Amino acid sequence: MYILIVYDVGEKRVQKVLKFIRKHLIWIQNSVFEGNVTKAELLKIKNGLKEIVDQKEDSIIFFTARNERWIKKEIMGREKNATDNFI
């Protein structure tokens, strides 16, 4: 499944969240990651983030789709991390 994660976390936890999610997904913009994962991998990501974030202060949004082709991505301005150029 294709997932898009958007997060807004406290300053003290930003680097931990960034470092953790980078292990699983592709960084596309500040506080935004995307990628294809299995249901088990998504559960692992969610459980890992629960260990890092403060659920009373932080916010993480998961957008999921069966496949990346079901989401139309449109970029306005400069693309910070182009993923189309991978061979």
Foldseek 3Di string as FASTA:
>chain_A
DKKKKAKDADPVLQVVLVVLVVVPFDDWDRRMTIDDDDPVVVVVNVVVVVVRGDVVGMDMDMDDDPDPVVDDDDDDDDGPDDPVPDD
